[in-house]
Amino acid sequence: MLSFFLFLFVVIVAYLCGSLCSAVIVSRLFSLPDPRMEGSKNPGATNVLRLSGKKYAVIVLVGDMLKGVLPVLLARLLDAGPVTMGFAAFAAVMGHMYPIFFQFRGGKGVATALGALLSLNLILGVLVIVTWLAIAHYTRYSSLASIVSIILAPLYSAMTMGNIEIIPPLFFITIFVLYQHRDNITRLIDGEEPKIRFKDKAHPTVTEEILSPPQPRVIREDEIEGEVTAVELIEEQEKPLPKAKDGTEKKNTRNPKKTTRVSKAKKPANATTAKTTSAKAPKKQPNKETKK
């Protein structure tokens, strides 16, 4: 009877520990995008890597792995036996997938499972992690690396631990992790699964696009010539009109309502002449009355 209550206590503690979603906690502490709402909508280290960068992804990864390490260490300290240790690992993974503190919307449990396997047996955990790293490095698919490594976990445990009593909880972990990756499996088959990409300048976020300073606009030479021509047109319109033979001013034939927009761009210093597109002003006729 005592062993049953010990088993129940360890499993409950493991589930509650796994329910502490590291990705959501880190995103709230550092005012980052909610990984449950953006990206792949998975509150895990890989999605945080895509959304917020490597620094925060490492924090989430360590937190998720500790959720698997601590319950198994607790069962080991209480001398609960290998079966209780195995189900403590399973309960921690279930807490990560279906956290009671976050409306049962959790991640896929890979990092928590890796931490639990490390705590169960160091060689077992290292084999699974090396498998994950190798596949992720050569394929750039985090989901494929997780699927293959978690499938090989029961086989690795039989090779390293030699205890078949611990295989059933590891098998349950494998089944649930594969179930959580069902959409990833479909995308892998269809060739639509996104690869691991670090957050960099090639893929700016909305915040970076808003805060980035505007780039200066380069003014072309033909635009400068057009602007100078507009200035000269206005100066020409402001010239006094020539007088007629009778001494009166000629009627203004120019369109007084016509306005020309002038830019603030200055005429280049090295420019000696500017092309004009307007018609030339009428030449001033000599006044015959002044001739002798």
C-alpha atoms as a PDB file:
ATOM      1  CA  MET A   1       0.000   0.000   0.000  1.00  0.00           C
ATOM      2  CA  LEU A   2       2.837   2.404   0.827  1.00  0.00           C
ATOM      3  CA  SER A   3       4.464   1.768  -2.522  1.00  0.00           C
ATOM      4  CA  PHE A   4       1.182   2.604  -4.290  1.00  0.00           C
ATOM      5  CA  PHE A   5       0.874   5.975  -2.537  1.00  0.00           C
ATOM      6  CA  LEU A   6       4.515   6.648  -3.286  1.00  0.00           C
ATOM      7  CA  PHE A   7       3.880   5.814  -6.931  1.00  0.00           C
ATOM      8  CA  LEU A   8       0.820   8.098  -6.989  1.00  0.00           C
ATOM      9  CA  PHE A   9       2.680  10.940  -5.284  1.00  0.00           C
ATOM     10  CA  VAL A  10       5.611  10.799  -7.686  1.00  0.00           C
ATOM     11  CA  VAL A  11       3.338  10.657 -10.738  1.00  0.00           C
ATOM     12  CA  ILE A  12       1.249  13.653  -9.594  1.00  0.00           C
ATOM     13  CA  VAL A  13       4.343  15.725  -8.822  1.00  0.00           C
ATOM     14  CA  ALA A  14       5.807  14.777 -12.197  1.00  0.00           C
ATOM     15  CA  TYR A  15       2.644  15.832 -14.028  1.00  0.00           C
ATOM     16  CA  LEU A  16       2.447  19.169 -12.201  1.00  0.00           C
ATOM     17  CA  CYS A  17       6.120  19.796 -12.889  1.00  0.00           C
ATOM     18  CA  GLY A  18       5.611  19.039 -16.571  1.00  0.00           C
ATOM     19  CA  SER A  19       2.630  21.422 -16.682  1.00  0.00           C
ATOM     20  CA  LEU A  20       4.922  24.409 -16.164  1.00  0.00           C
ATOM     21  CA  CYS A  21       5.206  25.477 -19.804  1.00  0.00           C
ATOM     22  CA  SER A  22       8.665  27.007 -20.168  1.00  0.00           C
ATOM     23  CA  ALA A  23       7.980  28.609 -23.548  1.00  0.00           C
ATOM     24  CA  VAL A  24       4.913  30.496 -22.327  1.00  0.00           C
ATOM     25  CA  ILE A  25       6.620  31.580 -19.092  1.00  0.00           C
ATOM     26  CA  VAL A  26       9.716  32.855 -20.922  1.00  0.00           C
ATOM     27  CA  SER A  27       7.632  34.677 -23.529  1.00  0.00           C
ATOM     28  CA  ARG A  28       5.681  36.482 -20.811  1.00  0.00           C
ATOM     29  CA  LEU A  29       8.744  37.345 -18.742  1.00  0.00           C
ATOM     30  CA  PHE A  30      10.612  38.871 -21.700  1.00  0.00           C
ATOM     31  CA  SER A  31       7.556  40.248 -23.583  1.00  0.00           C
ATOM     32  CA  LEU A  32       8.100  37.917 -26.537  1.00  0.00           C
ATOM     33  CA  PRO A  33       5.548  36.627 -29.052  1.00  0.00           C
ATOM     34  CA  ASP A  34       3.304  33.919 -27.618  1.00  0.00           C
ATOM     35  CA  PRO A  35       4.499  30.657 -29.226  1.00  0.00           C
ATOM     36  CA  ARG A  36       0.985  29.243 -28.944  1.00  0.00           C
ATOM     37  CA  MET A  37      -0.358  31.998 -31.217  1.00  0.00           C
ATOM     38  CA  GLU A  38       2.446  32.551 -33.739  1.00  0.00           C
ATOM     39  CA  GLY A  39       4.798  30.477 -35.859  1.00  0.00           C
ATOM     40  CA  SER A  40       3.962  26.786 -35.706  1.00  0.00           C
ATOM     41  CA  LYS A  41       1.769  27.495 -32.625  1.00  0.00           C
ATOM     42  CA  ASN A  42       3.763  24.934 -30.665  1.00  0.00           C
ATOM     43  CA  PRO A  43       5.072  26.123 -27.260  1.00  0.00           C
ATOM     44  CA  GLY A  44       8.445  24.498 -27.670  1.00  0.00           C
ATOM     45  CA  ALA A  45      12.084  25.449 -28.064  1.00  0.00           C
ATOM     46  CA  THR A  46      12.076  25.125 -31.865  1.00  0.00           C
ATOM     47  CA  ASN A  47       9.199  27.564 -32.328  1.00  0.00           C
ATOM     48  CA  VAL A  48      10.777  29.999 -29.862  1.00  0.00           C
ATOM     49  CA  LEU A  49      13.984  29.738 -31.913  1.00  0.00           C
ATOM     50  CA  ARG A  50      12.111  30.829 -35.031  1.00  0.00           C
ATOM     51  CA  LEU A  51      10.203  33.617 -33.291  1.00  0.00           C
ATOM     52  CA  SER A  52      12.635  35.085 -30.769  1.00  0.00           C
ATOM     53  CA  GLY A  53      16.161  33.805 -31.396  1.00  0.00           C
ATOM     54  CA  LYS A  54      18.706  31.386 -29.989  1.00  0.00           C
ATOM     55  CA  LYS A  55      19.121  32.923 -26.541  1.00  0.00           C
ATOM     56  CA  TYR A  56      15.492  32.461 -25.542  1.00  0.00           C
ATOM     57  CA  ALA A  57      15.283  29.080 -27.273  1.00  0.00           C
ATOM     58  CA  VAL A  58      18.146  27.783 -25.116  1.00  0.00           C
ATOM     59  CA  ILE A  59      16.374  28.986 -21.965  1.00  0.00           C
ATOM     60  CA  VAL A  60      13.187  27.196 -23.012  1.00  0.00           C
ATOM     61  CA  LEU A  61      15.098  24.038 -23.939  1.00  0.00           C
ATOM     62  CA  VAL A  62      16.835  23.869 -20.552  1.00  0.00           C
ATOM     63  CA  GLY A  63      13.546  24.491 -18.745  1.00  0.00           C
ATOM     64  CA  ASP A  64      11.737  21.767 -20.691  1.00  0.00           C
ATOM     65  CA  MET A  65      14.507  19.256 -20.070  1.00  0.00           C
ATOM     66  CA  LEU A  66      14.558  20.028 -16.337  1.00  0.00           C
ATOM     67  CA  LYS A  67      10.862  19.159 -16.201  1.00  0.00           C
ATOM     68  CA  GLY A  68      11.826  15.622 -17.173  1.00  0.00           C
ATOM     69  CA  VAL A  69      14.992  15.426 -15.075  1.00  0.00           C
ATOM     70  CA  LEU A  70      13.602  16.529 -11.698  1.00  0.00           C
ATOM     71  CA  PRO A  71      10.659  14.081 -11.332  1.00  0.00           C
ATOM     72  CA  VAL A  72      12.849  11.102 -12.219  1.00  0.00           C
ATOM     73  CA  LEU A  73      15.494  12.275  -9.738  1.00  0.00           C
ATOM     74  CA  LEU A  74      12.771  12.585  -7.089  1.00  0.00           C
ATOM     75  CA  ALA A  75      11.674   8.994  -7.722  1.00  0.00           C
ATOM     76  CA  ARG A  76      15.290   7.874  -7.543  1.00  0.00           C
ATOM     77  CA  LEU A  77      15.863   9.710  -4.251  1.00  0.00           C
ATOM     78  CA  LEU A  78      12.722   8.131  -2.771  1.00  0.00           C
ATOM     79  CA  ASP A  79      13.918   4.715  -3.966  1.00  0.00           C
ATOM     80  CA  ALA A  80      10.640   4.179  -5.784  1.00  0.00           C
ATOM     81  CA  GLY A  81      12.015   1.633  -8.253  1.00  0.00           C
ATOM     82  CA  PRO A  82      12.545   1.618 -12.027  1.00  0.00           C
ATOM     83  CA  VAL A  83       8.848   1.268 -12.870  1.00  0.00           C
ATOM     84  CA  THR A  84       7.919   4.368 -10.856  1.00  0.00           C
ATOM     85  CA  MET A  85      10.839   6.221 -12.399  1.00  0.00           C
ATOM     86  CA  GLY A  86       9.640   5.278 -15.877  1.00  0.00           C
ATOM     87  CA  PHE A  87       6.064   6.417 -15.199  1.00  0.00           C
ATOM     88  CA  ALA A  88       7.378   9.603 -13.591  1.00  0.00           C
ATOM     89  CA  ALA A  89       9.055  10.337 -16.927  1.00  0.00           C
ATOM     90  CA  PHE A  90       5.802   9.545 -18.747  1.00  0.00           C
ATOM     91  CA  ALA A  91       3.764  11.793 -16.405  1.00  0.00           C
ATOM     92  CA  ALA A  92       6.187  14.689 -16.915  1.00  0.00           C
ATOM     93  CA  VAL A  93       5.855  14.349 -20.692  1.00  0.00           C
ATOM     94  CA  MET A  94       2.058  14.236 -20.400  1.00  0.00           C
ATOM     95  CA  GLY A  95       2.148  17.372 -18.273  1.00  0.00           C
ATOM     96  CA  HIS A  96       4.142  19.137 -20.975  1.00  0.00           C
ATOM     97  CA  MET A  97       1.680  18.043 -23.669  1.00  0.00           C
ATOM     98  CA  TYR A  98      -1.484  18.757 -21.661  1.00  0.00           C
ATOM     99  CA  PRO A  99      -0.577  21.323 -18.963  1.00  0.00           C
ATOM    100  CA  ILE A 100      -3.270  21.939 -16.388  1.00  0.00           C
ATOM    101  CA  PHE A 101      -1.984  25.486 -15.815  1.00  0.00           C
ATOM    102  CA  PHE A 102      -2.279  26.530 -19.483  1.00  0.00           C
ATOM    103  CA  GLN A 103      -5.690  25.220 -20.606  1.00  0.00           C
ATOM    104  CA  PHE A 104      -4.154  21.848 -21.586  1.00  0.00           C
ATOM    105  CA  ARG A 105      -2.473  23.455 -24.600  1.00  0.00           C
ATOM    106  CA  GLY A 106       1.118  22.291 -24.480  1.00  0.00           C
ATOM    107  CA  GLY A 107       4.003  21.239 -26.647  1.00  0.00           C
ATOM    108  CA  LYS A 108       5.072  17.961 -28.176  1.00  0.00           C
ATOM    109  CA  GLY A 109       7.139  16.682 -25.264  1.00  0.00           C
ATOM    110  CA  VAL A 110      10.418  15.942 -27.009  1.00  0.00           C
ATOM    111  CA  ALA A 111      12.711  18.066 -24.822  1.00  0.00           C
ATOM    112  CA  THR A 112      11.000  16.855 -21.632  1.00  0.00           C
ATOM    113  CA  ALA A 113      11.363  13.262 -22.801  1.00  0.00           C
ATOM    114  CA  LEU A 114      15.068  13.816 -23.514  1.00  0.00           C
ATOM    115  CA  GLY A 115      15.575  15.191 -20.011  1.00  0.00           C
ATOM    116  CA  ALA A 116      13.754  12.237 -18.481  1.00  0.00           C
ATOM    117  CA  LEU A 117      15.830   9.759 -20.490  1.00  0.00           C
ATOM    118  CA  LEU A 118      19.028  11.467 -19.349  1.00  0.00           C
ATOM    119  CA  SER A 119      17.898  11.117 -15.753  1.00  0.00           C
ATOM    120  CA  LEU A 120      16.924   7.471 -16.221  1.00  0.00           C
ATOM    121  CA  ASN A 121      20.236   6.514 -17.761  1.00  0.00           C
ATOM    122  CA  LEU A 122      23.010   8.826 -18.905  1.00  0.00           C
ATOM    123  CA  ILE A 123      24.097   6.636 -21.830  1.00  0.00           C
ATOM    124  CA  LEU A 124      20.482   6.242 -22.952  1.00  0.00           C
ATOM    125  CA  GLY A 125      19.944   9.992 -22.938  1.00  0.00           C
ATOM    126  CA  VAL A 126      23.205  10.698 -24.768  1.00  0.00           C
ATOM    127  CA  LEU A 127      22.335   8.192 -27.507  1.00  0.00           C
ATOM    128  CA  VAL A 128      18.933   9.785 -28.068  1.00  0.00           C
ATOM    129  CA  ILE A 129      20.373  13.327 -28.078  1.00  0.00           C
ATOM    130  CA  VAL A 130      23.157  12.389 -30.508  1.00  0.00           C
ATOM    131  CA  THR A 131      20.559  10.808 -32.802  1.00  0.00           C
ATOM    132  CA  TRP A 132      18.454  13.961 -32.689  1.00  0.00           C
ATOM    133  CA  LEU A 133      21.418  16.257 -33.373  1.00  0.00           C
ATOM    134  CA  ALA A 134      22.701  14.158 -36.265  1.00  0.00           C
ATOM    135  CA  ILE A 135      19.360  14.010 -38.075  1.00  0.00           C
ATOM    136  CA  ALA A 136      18.569  17.670 -37.418  1.00  0.00           C
ATOM    137  CA  HIS A 137      21.998  18.712 -38.706  1.00  0.00           C
ATOM    138  CA  TYR A 138      21.806  16.837 -41.992  1.00  0.00           C
ATOM    139  CA  THR A 139      18.090  17.295 -42.754  1.00  0.00           C
ATOM    140  CA  ARG A 140      17.297  20.598 -40.953  1.00  0.00           C
ATOM    141  CA  TYR A 141      13.975  19.045 -39.918  1.00  0.00           C
ATOM    142  CA  SER A 142      13.407  19.233 -36.171  1.00  0.00           C
ATOM    143  CA  SER A 143      10.263  17.127 -36.368  1.00  0.00           C
ATOM    144  CA  LEU A 144      11.968  14.325 -38.296  1.00  0.00           C
ATOM    145  CA  ALA A 145      14.826  14.264 -35.786  1.00  0.00           C
ATOM    146  CA  SER A 146      12.342  14.064 -32.909  1.00  0.00           C
ATOM    147  CA  ILE A 147      10.339  11.276 -34.514  1.00  0.00           C
ATOM    148  CA  VAL A 148      13.337   9.074 -35.284  1.00  0.00           C
ATOM    149  CA  SER A 149      15.069   9.617 -31.941  1.00  0.00           C
ATOM    150  CA  ILE A 150      11.946   8.926 -29.879  1.00  0.00           C
ATOM    151  CA  ILE A 151      11.213   5.757 -31.873  1.00  0.00           C
ATOM    152  CA  LEU A 152      14.716   4.473 -31.127  1.00  0.00           C
ATOM    153  CA  ALA A 153      14.457   5.318 -27.398  1.00  0.00           C
ATOM    154  CA  PRO A 154      12.902   1.969 -26.293  1.00  0.00           C
ATOM    155  CA  LEU A 155      15.508   0.091 -28.345  1.00  0.00           C
ATOM    156  CA  TYR A 156      18.325   2.112 -26.793  1.00  0.00           C
ATOM    157  CA  SER A 157      16.917   1.472 -23.313  1.00  0.00           C
ATOM    158  CA  ALA A 158      16.913  -2.287 -23.893  1.00  0.00           C
ATOM    159  CA  MET A 159      20.519  -2.091 -25.076  1.00  0.00           C
ATOM    160  CA  THR A 160      21.821   0.097 -22.250  1.00  0.00           C
ATOM    161  CA  MET A 161      19.687  -0.659 -19.192  1.00  0.00           C
ATOM    162  CA  GLY A 162      18.787  -4.293 -19.753  1.00  0.00           C
ATOM    163  CA  ASN A 163      15.579  -3.832 -17.738  1.00  0.00           C
ATOM    164  CA  ILE A 164      12.390  -4.649 -19.636  1.00  0.00           C
ATOM    165  CA  GLU A 165      10.213  -3.224 -16.842  1.00  0.00           C
ATOM    166  CA  ILE A 166      11.018   0.301 -17.930  1.00  0.00           C
ATOM    167  CA  ILE A 167      10.171  -0.298 -21.596  1.00  0.00           C
ATOM    168  CA  PRO A 168       6.319   0.054 -21.241  1.00  0.00           C
ATOM    169  CA  PRO A 169       6.390   3.703 -20.009  1.00  0.00           C
ATOM    170  CA  LEU A 170       8.973   4.538 -22.678  1.00  0.00           C
ATOM    171  CA  PHE A 171       6.715   2.924 -25.255  1.00  0.00           C
ATOM    172  CA  PHE A 172       3.805   5.103 -24.066  1.00  0.00           C
ATOM    173  CA  ILE A 173       6.023   8.172 -24.387  1.00  0.00           C
ATOM    174  CA  THR A 174       6.855   7.171 -27.965  1.00  0.00           C
ATOM    175  CA  ILE A 175       3.175   6.706 -28.870  1.00  0.00           C
ATOM    176  CA  PHE A 176       2.099  10.091 -27.505  1.00  0.00           C
ATOM    177  CA  VAL A 177       5.045  11.956 -29.027  1.00  0.00           C
ATOM    178  CA  LEU A 178       4.248  10.456 -32.426  1.00  0.00           C
ATOM    179  CA  TYR A 179       0.601  11.428 -31.981  1.00  0.00           C
ATOM    180  CA  GLN A 180       1.611  15.016 -31.248  1.00  0.00           C
ATOM    181  CA  HIS A 181       3.669  14.988 -34.457  1.00  0.00           C
ATOM    182  CA  ARG A 182       0.847  13.741 -36.681  1.00  0.00           C
ATOM    183  CA  ASP A 183       0.576  17.061 -38.537  1.00  0.00           C
ATOM    184  CA  ASN A 184       4.354  17.180 -38.969  1.00  0.00           C
ATOM    185  CA  ILE A 185       4.334  13.684 -40.439  1.00  0.00           C
ATOM    186  CA  THR A 186       1.712  14.776 -42.971  1.00  0.00           C
ATOM    187  CA  ARG A 187       3.738  17.854 -43.933  1.00  0.00           C
ATOM    188  CA  LEU A 188       6.913  15.795 -44.227  1.00  0.00           C
ATOM    189  CA  ILE A 189       5.174  13.441 -46.640  1.00  0.00           C
ATOM    190  CA  ASP A 190       3.810  16.382 -48.658  1.00  0.00           C
ATOM    191  CA  GLY A 191       7.173  18.181 -48.605  1.00  0.00           C
ATOM    192  CA  GLU A 192       5.711  21.208 -46.791  1.00  0.00           C
ATOM    193  CA  GLU A 193       7.437  20.875 -43.408  1.00  0.00           C
ATOM    194  CA  PRO A 194       9.428  24.037 -42.520  1.00  0.00           C
ATOM    195  CA  LYS A 195      13.111  23.585 -41.805  1.00  0.00           C
ATOM    196  CA  ILE A 196      15.003  24.943 -38.824  1.00  0.00           C
ATOM    197  CA  ARG A 197      15.798  28.597 -39.471  1.00  0.00           C
ATOM    198  CA  PHE A 198      17.505  30.989 -37.101  1.00  0.00           C
ATOM    199  CA  LYS A 199      15.982  34.410 -36.601  1.00  0.00           C
ATOM    200  CA  ASP A 200      18.204  36.795 -38.591  1.00  0.00           C
ATOM    201  CA  LYS A 201      18.095  39.886 -40.755  1.00  0.00           C
ATOM    202  CA  ALA A 202      17.039  37.878 -43.813  1.00  0.00           C
ATOM    203  CA  HIS A 203      13.694  37.200 -42.138  1.00  0.00           C
ATOM    204  CA  PRO A 204      12.805  40.346 -40.149  1.00  0.00           C
ATOM    205  CA  THR A 205       9.841  40.359 -37.823  1.00  0.00           C
ATOM    206  CA  VAL A 206       7.058  42.900 -37.954  1.00  0.00           C
ATOM    207  CA  THR A 207       8.649  44.793 -35.056  1.00  0.00           C
ATOM    208  CA  GLU A 208      11.993  45.032 -36.874  1.00  0.00           C
ATOM    209  CA  GLU A 209      10.302  46.308 -40.033  1.00  0.00           C
ATOM    210  CA  ILE A 210       8.477  49.015 -38.075  1.00  0.00           C
ATOM    211  CA  LEU A 211      11.496  50.152 -36.067  1.00  0.00           C
ATOM    212  CA  SER A 212      13.996  50.022 -38.919  1.00  0.00           C
ATOM    213  CA  PRO A 213      15.045  53.520 -40.099  1.00  0.00           C
ATOM    214  CA  PRO A 214      13.899  54.547 -43.588  1.00  0.00           C
ATOM    215  CA  GLN A 215      16.496  54.206 -46.306  1.00  0.00           C
ATOM    216  CA  PRO A 216      17.514  57.449 -48.083  1.00  0.00           C
ATOM    217  CA  ARG A 217      16.149  57.799 -51.598  1.00  0.00           C
ATOM    218  CA  VAL A 218      18.700  58.275 -54.352  1.00  0.00           C
ATOM    219  CA  ILE A 219      17.754  61.086 -56.742  1.00  0.00           C
ATOM    220  CA  ARG A 220      18.556  60.357 -60.361  1.00  0.00           C
ATOM    221  CA  GLU A 221      20.234  62.893 -62.642  1.00  0.00           C
ATOM    222  CA  ASP A 222      17.231  63.208 -64.908  1.00  0.00           C
ATOM    223  CA  GLU A 223      15.047  64.019 -61.879  1.00  0.00           C
ATOM    224  CA  ILE A 224      17.479  66.769 -60.816  1.00  0.00           C
ATOM    225  CA  GLU A 225      17.424  68.284 -64.310  1.00  0.00           C
ATOM    226  CA  GLY A 226      13.635  68.307 -64.287  1.00  0.00           C
ATOM    227  CA  GLU A 227      13.526  70.044 -60.924  1.00  0.00           C
ATOM    228  CA  VAL A 228      16.015  72.716 -62.050  1.00  0.00           C
ATOM    229  CA  THR A 229      13.958  73.288 -65.175  1.00  0.00           C
ATOM    230  CA  ALA A 230      10.877  73.880 -63.043  1.00  0.00           C
ATOM    231  CA  VAL A 231      12.708  76.547 -61.054  1.00  0.00           C
ATOM    232  CA  GLU A 232      13.805  78.301 -64.235  1.00  0.00           C
ATOM    233  CA  LEU A 233      10.258  78.249 -65.560  1.00  0.00           C
ATOM    234  CA  ILE A 234       8.989  80.097 -62.512  1.00  0.00           C
ATOM    235  CA  GLU A 235      11.794  82.654 -62.727  1.00  0.00           C
ATOM    236  CA  GLU A 236      10.940  83.201 -66.363  1.00  0.00           C
ATOM    237  CA  GLN A 237       7.266  83.748 -65.541  1.00  0.00           C
ATOM    238  CA  GLU A 238       8.211  86.370 -62.956  1.00  0.00           C
ATOM    239  CA  LYS A 239      10.131  88.507 -65.497  1.00  0.00           C
ATOM    240  CA  PRO A 240       8.468  91.850 -66.427  1.00  0.00           C
ATOM    241  CA  LEU A 241       6.470  91.790 -69.621  1.00  0.00           C
ATOM    242  CA  PRO A 242       7.768  93.762 -72.622  1.00  0.00           C
ATOM    243  CA  LYS A 243       6.014  97.017 -73.487  1.00  0.00           C
ATOM    244  CA  ALA A 244       4.098  97.511 -76.699  1.00  0.00           C
ATOM    245  CA  LYS A 245       4.712 100.289 -79.226  1.00  0.00           C
ATOM    246  CA  ASP A 246       2.259 102.618 -77.540  1.00  0.00           C
ATOM    247  CA  GLY A 247       4.059 102.312 -74.197  1.00  0.00           C
ATOM    248  CA  THR A 248       1.517 100.010 -72.576  1.00  0.00           C
ATOM    249  CA  GLU A 249       2.347  96.561 -71.313  1.00  0.00           C
ATOM    250  CA  LYS A 250       1.391  93.661 -73.447  1.00  0.00           C
ATOM    251  CA  LYS A 251      -1.409  91.440 -72.278  1.00  0.00           C
ATOM    252  CA  ASN A 252      -0.216  88.500 -70.236  1.00  0.00           C
ATOM    253  CA  THR A 253      -0.640  85.534 -72.480  1.00  0.00           C
ATOM    254  CA  ARG A 254       0.770  83.169 -69.933  1.00  0.00           C
ATOM    255  CA  ASN A 255      -1.615  81.092 -67.893  1.00  0.00           C
ATOM    256  CA  PRO A 256      -1.672  82.748 -64.448  1.00  0.00           C
ATOM    257  CA  LYS A 257      -3.320  79.749 -62.863  1.00  0.00           C
ATOM    258  CA  LYS A 258      -0.633  77.345 -63.959  1.00  0.00           C
ATOM    259  CA  THR A 259       1.694  76.416 -61.106  1.00  0.00           C
ATOM    260  CA  THR A 260       4.761  74.288 -61.105  1.00  0.00           C
ATOM    261  CA  ARG A 261       5.722  72.123 -58.150  1.00  0.00           C
ATOM    262  CA  VAL A 262       9.266  72.757 -56.962  1.00  0.00           C
ATOM    263  CA  SER A 263      11.308  70.232 -55.085  1.00  0.00           C
ATOM    264  CA  LYS A 264      13.792  71.136 -52.377  1.00  0.00           C
ATOM    265  CA  ALA A 265      16.616  69.447 -54.233  1.00  0.00           C
ATOM    266  CA  LYS A 266      19.389  71.891 -55.049  1.00  0.00           C
ATOM    267  CA  LYS A 267      20.956  72.376 -58.412  1.00  0.00           C
ATOM    268  CA  PRO A 268      24.287  70.567 -58.577  1.00  0.00           C
ATOM    269  CA  ALA A 269      27.320  72.846 -58.211  1.00  0.00           C
ATOM    270  CA  ASN A 270      29.146  71.358 -61.176  1.00  0.00           C
ATOM    271  CA  ALA A 271      26.188  71.703 -63.516  1.00  0.00           C
ATOM    272  CA  THR A 272      26.763  74.561 -65.974  1.00  0.00           C
ATOM    273  CA  THR A 273      23.582  74.321 -68.006  1.00  0.00           C
ATOM    274  CA  ALA A 274      20.190  72.726 -67.527  1.00  0.00           C
ATOM    275  CA  LYS A 275      17.861  71.474 -70.198  1.00  0.00           C
ATOM    276  CA  THR A 276      14.575  73.292 -70.466  1.00  0.00           C
ATOM    277  CA  THR A 277      11.414  71.756 -71.844  1.00  0.00           C
ATOM    278  CA  SER A 278       9.300  74.903 -71.943  1.00  0.00           C
ATOM    279  CA  ALA A 279       8.957  77.335 -74.813  1.00  0.00           C
ATOM    280  CA  LYS A 280      11.248  80.348 -74.860  1.00  0.00           C
ATOM    281  CA  ALA A 281       9.900  83.692 -73.695  1.00  0.00           C
ATOM    282  CA  PRO A 282       9.149  86.207 -76.497  1.00  0.00           C
ATOM    283  CA  LYS A 283      12.038  88.460 -77.349  1.00  0.00           C
ATOM    284  CA  LYS A 284      11.825  92.098 -76.346  1.00  0.00           C
ATOM    285  CA  GLN A 285      11.042  94.256 -79.363  1.00  0.00           C
ATOM    286  CA  PRO A 286      12.867  97.547 -79.655  1.00  0.00           C
ATOM    287  CA  ASN A 287      10.816 100.689 -79.218  1.00  0.00           C
ATOM    288  CA  LYS A 288      10.857 102.694 -82.440  1.00  0.00           C
ATOM    289  CA  GLU A 289      10.095 105.904 -80.617  1.00  0.00           C
ATOM    290  CA  THR A 290      13.445 105.869 -78.922  1.00  0.00           C
ATOM    291  CA  LYS A 291      15.322 105.569 -82.208  1.00  0.00           C
ATOM    292  CA  LYS A 292      16.704 108.712 -83.634  1.00  0.00           C
END
